[in-house]
């Protein structure tokens, strides 16, 4: 992703921060971490919404998606362990991956991690994949669990995507851990 797409993604991240900041409950309960891949890099570790500052992302090199997914899920498990050790209840974490490409590494192991963790039986996390123009939707489908197929971004609707995301997270934040929450439809930013 470069040029206008990465600019729109960065604008979308700022919208995400602004909308989270306008929701008192989300500010208290939502934590954000950001990774990039190409190379795999943790841009910001888990932090509460009030401390989260949207980074300015840029693009480089290849797309080691498998390594990024595996490292991200390991990072998530470590964060959950901190909560468990402290005896703190937590919400089912969400993992959001946005890409305009195709994995350039071995992604099959990461896909099995996603399908196992996002299964209706385990419910370890919810994995959302969003394909931007040029994304290999066939491989994204193979990575995602059957109950949560990848979504295709309509044009460069990153701001709408992040607005939906912050609204959805706000709804979850106002619920109780383990409570089922109906999410709004991803209209305005996703196409089938």
C-alpha atoms as a PDB file:
ATOM      1  CA  UNK A   1       0.000   0.000   0.000  1.00  0.00           C
ATOM      2  CA  UNK A   2       1.510   3.291  -0.953  1.00  0.00           C
ATOM      3  CA  UNK A   3       0.401   6.677  -2.214  1.00  0.00           C
ATOM      4  CA  UNK A   4      -3.220   7.581  -1.591  1.00  0.00           C
ATOM      5  CA  UNK A   5      -4.188   4.217   0.008  1.00  0.00           C
ATOM      6  CA  UNK A   6      -1.622   4.553   2.827  1.00  0.00           C
ATOM      7  CA  UNK A   7      -2.585   8.215   3.295  1.00  0.00           C
ATOM      8  CA  UNK A   8      -6.245   7.210   3.671  1.00  0.00           C
ATOM      9  CA  UNK A   9      -5.295   4.414   6.089  1.00  0.00           C
ATOM     10  CA  UNK A  10      -3.410   6.924   8.243  1.00  0.00           C
ATOM     11  CA  UNK A  11      -6.402   9.300   8.166  1.00  0.00           C
ATOM     12  CA  UNK A  12      -8.614   6.376   9.162  1.00  0.00           C
ATOM     13  CA  UNK A  13      -6.426   5.666  12.193  1.00  0.00           C
ATOM     14  CA  UNK A  14      -6.844   9.277  13.302  1.00  0.00           C
ATOM     15  CA  UNK A  15     -10.638   8.957  12.945  1.00  0.00           C
ATOM     16  CA  UNK A  16     -10.429   5.782  15.047  1.00  0.00           C
ATOM     17  CA  UNK A  17      -8.612   7.653  17.836  1.00  0.00           C
ATOM     18  CA  UNK A  18     -11.035  10.622  17.716  1.00  0.00           C
ATOM     19  CA  UNK A  19     -14.105   8.413  17.878  1.00  0.00           C
ATOM     20  CA  UNK A  20     -12.706   6.253  20.686  1.00  0.00           C
ATOM     21  CA  UNK A  21     -11.870   9.452  22.574  1.00  0.00           C
ATOM     22  CA  UNK A  22     -15.500  10.569  22.334  1.00  0.00           C
ATOM     23  CA  UNK A  23     -16.725   7.373  24.063  1.00  0.00           C
ATOM     24  CA  UNK A  24     -15.956   7.404  27.805  1.00  0.00           C
ATOM     25  CA  UNK A  25     -16.547   3.674  28.261  1.00  0.00           C
ATOM     26  CA  UNK A  26     -14.387   2.739  25.263  1.00  0.00           C
ATOM     27  CA  UNK A  27     -11.623   4.973  26.600  1.00  0.00           C
ATOM     28  CA  UNK A  28     -11.644   2.959  29.824  1.00  0.00           C
ATOM     29  CA  UNK A  29     -11.943  -0.522  28.344  1.00  0.00           C
ATOM     30  CA  UNK A  30     -10.460  -0.659  24.843  1.00  0.00           C
ATOM     31  CA  UNK A  31      -6.765  -1.361  24.384  1.00  0.00           C
ATOM     32  CA  UNK A  32      -5.002  -0.999  21.045  1.00  0.00           C
ATOM     33  CA  UNK A  33      -1.792  -2.478  19.641  1.00  0.00           C
ATOM     34  CA  UNK A  34      -0.521  -2.032  16.079  1.00  0.00           C
ATOM     35  CA  UNK A  35       1.816  -4.217  14.047  1.00  0.00           C
ATOM     36  CA  UNK A  36       3.009  -3.903  10.493  1.00  0.00           C
ATOM     37  CA  UNK A  37       4.412  -6.595   8.274  1.00  0.00           C
ATOM     38  CA  UNK A  38       7.101  -6.119   5.680  1.00  0.00           C
ATOM     39  CA  UNK A  39       9.074  -6.479   7.979  1.00  0.00           C
ATOM     40  CA  UNK A  40       7.047  -7.658  10.968  1.00  0.00           C
ATOM     41  CA  UNK A  41       7.244  -4.860  13.493  1.00  0.00           C
ATOM     42  CA  UNK A  42       5.318  -3.898  16.617  1.00  0.00           C
ATOM     43  CA  UNK A  43       4.554  -0.202  16.124  1.00  0.00           C
ATOM     44  CA  UNK A  44       2.746   0.175  19.446  1.00  0.00           C
ATOM     45  CA  UNK A  45       2.249  -2.439  22.149  1.00  0.00           C
ATOM     46  CA  UNK A  46      -1.076  -2.763  23.963  1.00  0.00           C
ATOM     47  CA  UNK A  47      -2.154   0.509  25.508  1.00  0.00           C
ATOM     48  CA  UNK A  48      -5.405   2.018  26.635  1.00  0.00           C
ATOM     49  CA  UNK A  49      -7.302   4.190  24.194  1.00  0.00           C
ATOM     50  CA  UNK A  50      -6.462   7.376  26.062  1.00  0.00           C
ATOM     51  CA  UNK A  51      -2.721   6.727  25.582  1.00  0.00           C
ATOM     52  CA  UNK A  52      -2.996   5.445  22.013  1.00  0.00           C
ATOM     53  CA  UNK A  53      -1.542   7.832  19.455  1.00  0.00           C
ATOM     54  CA  UNK A  54      -2.185   6.907  15.821  1.00  0.00           C
ATOM     55  CA  UNK A  55       1.116   6.284  14.085  1.00  0.00           C
ATOM     56  CA  UNK A  56       1.896   7.407  10.566  1.00  0.00           C
ATOM     57  CA  UNK A  57       2.339   4.135   8.730  1.00  0.00           C
ATOM     58  CA  UNK A  58       4.494   3.673   5.657  1.00  0.00           C
ATOM     59  CA  UNK A  59       5.125   0.739   3.378  1.00  0.00           C
ATOM     60  CA  UNK A  60       8.217  -1.336   2.788  1.00  0.00           C
ATOM     61  CA  UNK A  61       9.244  -4.592   1.161  1.00  0.00           C
ATOM     62  CA  UNK A  62       7.471  -7.898   1.118  1.00  0.00           C
ATOM     63  CA  UNK A  63       4.384  -9.194   2.968  1.00  0.00           C
ATOM     64  CA  UNK A  64       5.319 -11.776   5.646  1.00  0.00           C
ATOM     65  CA  UNK A  65       1.672 -12.100   6.672  1.00  0.00           C
ATOM     66  CA  UNK A  66       2.051 -15.530   8.253  1.00  0.00           C
ATOM     67  CA  UNK A  67       4.834 -14.366  10.579  1.00  0.00           C
ATOM     68  CA  UNK A  68       2.879 -11.220  11.481  1.00  0.00           C
ATOM     69  CA  UNK A  69      -0.288 -13.148  12.318  1.00  0.00           C
ATOM     70  CA  UNK A  70       1.630 -15.655  14.445  1.00  0.00           C
ATOM     71  CA  UNK A  71       3.523 -12.922  16.329  1.00  0.00           C
ATOM     72  CA  UNK A  72       0.351 -10.879  16.799  1.00  0.00           C
ATOM     73  CA  UNK A  73      -1.543 -13.854  18.222  1.00  0.00           C
ATOM     74  CA  UNK A  74       1.364 -14.657  20.556  1.00  0.00           C
ATOM     75  CA  UNK A  75       1.368 -11.020  21.686  1.00  0.00           C
ATOM     76  CA  UNK A  76      -2.372 -11.257  22.308  1.00  0.00           C
ATOM     77  CA  UNK A  77      -2.013 -14.454  24.361  1.00  0.00           C
ATOM     78  CA  UNK A  78       0.675 -12.779  26.492  1.00  0.00           C
ATOM     79  CA  UNK A  79      -1.669  -9.832  27.142  1.00  0.00           C
ATOM     80  CA  UNK A  80      -4.523 -12.166  28.085  1.00  0.00           C
ATOM     81  CA  UNK A  81      -2.161 -13.981  30.491  1.00  0.00           C
ATOM     82  CA  UNK A  82      -1.491 -10.667  32.272  1.00  0.00           C
ATOM     83  CA  UNK A  83      -5.231 -10.198  32.802  1.00  0.00           C
ATOM     84  CA  UNK A  84      -5.720 -13.798  33.940  1.00  0.00           C
ATOM     85  CA  UNK A  85      -2.823 -13.579  36.390  1.00  0.00           C
ATOM     86  CA  UNK A  86      -4.320 -10.398  37.858  1.00  0.00           C
ATOM     87  CA  UNK A  87      -7.763 -12.023  38.084  1.00  0.00           C
ATOM     88  CA  UNK A  88      -9.285  -9.408  35.777  1.00  0.00           C
ATOM     89  CA  UNK A  89     -12.129 -10.314  33.428  1.00  0.00           C
ATOM     90  CA  UNK A  90     -11.650  -9.263  29.843  1.00  0.00           C
ATOM     91  CA  UNK A  91     -13.606  -9.103  26.631  1.00  0.00           C
ATOM     92  CA  UNK A  92     -13.027 -11.418  23.707  1.00  0.00           C
ATOM     93  CA  UNK A  93     -10.145  -9.668  21.911  1.00  0.00           C
ATOM     94  CA  UNK A  94     -10.409  -8.539  18.309  1.00  0.00           C
ATOM     95  CA  UNK A  95      -7.607  -8.890  15.799  1.00  0.00           C
ATOM     96  CA  UNK A  96      -7.928  -6.688  12.722  1.00  0.00           C
ATOM     97  CA  UNK A  97      -5.677  -7.280   9.706  1.00  0.00           C
ATOM     98  CA  UNK A  98      -5.716  -4.948   6.719  1.00  0.00           C
ATOM     99  CA  UNK A  99      -3.786  -5.802   3.567  1.00  0.00           C
ATOM    100  CA  UNK A 100      -3.629  -5.015  -0.119  1.00  0.00           C
ATOM    101  CA  UNK A 101      -1.399  -7.964  -0.934  1.00  0.00           C
ATOM    102  CA  UNK A 102      -0.768 -11.641  -0.598  1.00  0.00           C
ATOM    103  CA  UNK A 103       1.443 -13.429   1.923  1.00  0.00           C
ATOM    104  CA  UNK A 104       5.055 -13.811   0.801  1.00  0.00           C
ATOM    105  CA  UNK A 105       5.895 -16.324   3.520  1.00  0.00           C
ATOM    106  CA  UNK A 106       4.532 -19.593   4.842  1.00  0.00           C
ATOM    107  CA  UNK A 107       1.078 -18.583   6.095  1.00  0.00           C
ATOM    108  CA  UNK A 108      -0.568 -21.997   6.572  1.00  0.00           C
ATOM    109  CA  UNK A 109       0.451 -22.391  10.240  1.00  0.00           C
ATOM    110  CA  UNK A 110      -0.838 -18.893  11.017  1.00  0.00           C
ATOM    111  CA  UNK A 111      -4.095 -19.757   9.244  1.00  0.00           C
ATOM    112  CA  UNK A 112      -4.532 -22.821  11.453  1.00  0.00           C
ATOM    113  CA  UNK A 113      -3.924 -20.622  14.515  1.00  0.00           C
ATOM    114  CA  UNK A 114      -6.626 -18.202  13.320  1.00  0.00           C
ATOM    115  CA  UNK A 115      -9.159 -20.920  12.528  1.00  0.00           C
ATOM    116  CA  UNK A 116      -8.586 -22.631  15.900  1.00  0.00           C
ATOM    117  CA  UNK A 117      -8.684 -19.445  17.984  1.00  0.00           C
ATOM    118  CA  UNK A 118     -11.654 -17.871  16.191  1.00  0.00           C
ATOM    119  CA  UNK A 119     -13.692 -21.064  16.255  1.00  0.00           C
ATOM    120  CA  UNK A 120     -17.171 -21.090  17.811  1.00  0.00           C
ATOM    121  CA  UNK A 121     -15.884 -23.677  20.306  1.00  0.00           C
ATOM    122  CA  UNK A 122     -12.758 -21.884  21.536  1.00  0.00           C
ATOM    123  CA  UNK A 123     -13.672 -18.181  21.120  1.00  0.00           C
ATOM    124  CA  UNK A 124     -10.123 -17.072  22.029  1.00  0.00           C
ATOM    125  CA  UNK A 125     -10.404 -13.992  19.806  1.00  0.00           C
ATOM    126  CA  UNK A 126     -12.305 -12.589  16.835  1.00  0.00           C
ATOM    127  CA  UNK A 127     -10.176 -12.297  13.708  1.00  0.00           C
ATOM    128  CA  UNK A 128     -11.232  -9.776  11.060  1.00  0.00           C
ATOM    129  CA  UNK A 129      -9.400  -9.547   7.723  1.00  0.00           C
ATOM    130  CA  UNK A 130      -9.977  -6.626   5.392  1.00  0.00           C
ATOM    131  CA  UNK A 131      -8.707  -6.770   1.829  1.00  0.00           C
ATOM    132  CA  UNK A 132      -7.891  -3.486   0.118  1.00  0.00           C
ATOM    133  CA  UNK A 133      -7.832  -3.303  -3.698  1.00  0.00           C
ATOM    134  CA  UNK A 134      -5.216  -5.801  -4.887  1.00  0.00           C
ATOM    135  CA  UNK A 135      -5.514  -8.125  -1.882  1.00  0.00           C
ATOM    136  CA  UNK A 136      -5.507 -11.853  -2.533  1.00  0.00           C
ATOM    137  CA  UNK A 137      -9.021 -12.570  -1.263  1.00  0.00           C
ATOM    138  CA  UNK A 138      -8.626 -16.298  -1.962  1.00  0.00           C
ATOM    139  CA  UNK A 139      -5.704 -16.554   0.473  1.00  0.00           C
ATOM    140  CA  UNK A 140      -7.450 -14.299   2.977  1.00  0.00           C
ATOM    141  CA  UNK A 141     -10.435 -16.653   2.847  1.00  0.00           C
ATOM    142  CA  UNK A 142      -8.090 -19.591   3.507  1.00  0.00           C
ATOM    143  CA  UNK A 143      -6.611 -17.753   6.511  1.00  0.00           C
ATOM    144  CA  UNK A 144      -9.904 -16.690   8.107  1.00  0.00           C
ATOM    145  CA  UNK A 145     -12.263 -18.913  10.034  1.00  0.00           C
ATOM    146  CA  UNK A 146     -15.361 -20.062   8.169  1.00  0.00           C
ATOM    147  CA  UNK A 147     -17.628 -18.128  10.540  1.00  0.00           C
ATOM    148  CA  UNK A 148     -15.827 -14.826   9.825  1.00  0.00           C
ATOM    149  CA  UNK A 149     -14.797 -14.564   6.149  1.00  0.00           C
ATOM    150  CA  UNK A 150     -12.652 -11.636   4.973  1.00  0.00           C
ATOM    151  CA  UNK A 151     -14.285  -8.389   3.961  1.00  0.00           C
ATOM    152  CA  UNK A 152     -13.329  -6.314   0.948  1.00  0.00           C
ATOM    153  CA  UNK A 153     -12.840  -2.599   1.504  1.00  0.00           C
ATOM    154  CA  UNK A 154     -14.973  -0.504  -0.810  1.00  0.00           C
ATOM    155  CA  UNK A 155     -12.537   1.847  -2.542  1.00  0.00           C
ATOM    156  CA  UNK A 156     -10.506   3.716   0.053  1.00  0.00           C
ATOM    157  CA  UNK A 157     -13.213   3.851   2.737  1.00  0.00           C
ATOM    158  CA  UNK A 158     -10.758   3.571   5.624  1.00  0.00           C
ATOM    159  CA  UNK A 159     -12.411   6.362   7.593  1.00  0.00           C
ATOM    160  CA  UNK A 160     -15.761   4.580   7.398  1.00  0.00           C
ATOM    161  CA  UNK A 161     -14.082   1.290   8.371  1.00  0.00           C
ATOM    162  CA  UNK A 162     -12.474   2.819  11.456  1.00  0.00           C
ATOM    163  CA  UNK A 163     -15.661   4.647  12.369  1.00  0.00           C
ATOM    164  CA  UNK A 164     -17.492   1.294  12.263  1.00  0.00           C
ATOM    165  CA  UNK A 165     -14.703  -0.297  14.301  1.00  0.00           C
ATOM    166  CA  UNK A 166     -14.744   2.345  17.044  1.00  0.00           C
ATOM    167  CA  UNK A 167     -18.555   2.256  17.206  1.00  0.00           C
ATOM    168  CA  UNK A 168     -18.527  -1.543  17.428  1.00  0.00           C
ATOM    169  CA  UNK A 169     -15.830  -1.566  20.116  1.00  0.00           C
ATOM    170  CA  UNK A 170     -17.790   1.068  22.034  1.00  0.00           C
ATOM    171  CA  UNK A 171     -20.833  -1.222  21.978  1.00  0.00           C
ATOM    172  CA  UNK A 172     -18.764  -4.101  23.290  1.00  0.00           C
ATOM    173  CA  UNK A 173     -17.192  -1.868  25.964  1.00  0.00           C
ATOM    174  CA  UNK A 174     -20.665  -1.018  27.300  1.00  0.00           C
ATOM    175  CA  UNK A 175     -21.498  -4.724  27.674  1.00  0.00           C
ATOM    176  CA  UNK A 176     -20.310  -7.225  30.267  1.00  0.00           C
ATOM    177  CA  UNK A 177     -17.416  -9.607  29.507  1.00  0.00           C
ATOM    178  CA  UNK A 178     -18.832 -12.726  27.847  1.00  0.00           C
ATOM    179  CA  UNK A 179     -22.095 -11.021  26.862  1.00  0.00           C
ATOM    180  CA  UNK A 180     -23.061 -11.395  23.207  1.00  0.00           C
ATOM    181  CA  UNK A 181     -23.240  -8.036  21.395  1.00  0.00           C
ATOM    182  CA  UNK A 182     -24.890  -7.479  18.009  1.00  0.00           C
ATOM    183  CA  UNK A 183     -22.540  -5.515  15.775  1.00  0.00           C
ATOM    184  CA  UNK A 184     -23.781  -2.996  13.254  1.00  0.00           C
ATOM    185  CA  UNK A 185     -23.588  -4.154   9.645  1.00  0.00           C
ATOM    186  CA  UNK A 186     -20.357  -3.087   7.916  1.00  0.00           C
ATOM    187  CA  UNK A 187     -22.249  -0.879   5.479  1.00  0.00           C
ATOM    188  CA  UNK A 188     -20.577   2.018   3.724  1.00  0.00           C
ATOM    189  CA  UNK A 189     -17.099   0.539   3.736  1.00  0.00           C
ATOM    190  CA  UNK A 190     -17.347  -3.158   2.858  1.00  0.00           C
ATOM    191  CA  UNK A 191     -18.339  -4.783  -0.395  1.00  0.00           C
ATOM    192  CA  UNK A 192     -19.016  -8.436  -1.070  1.00  0.00           C
END
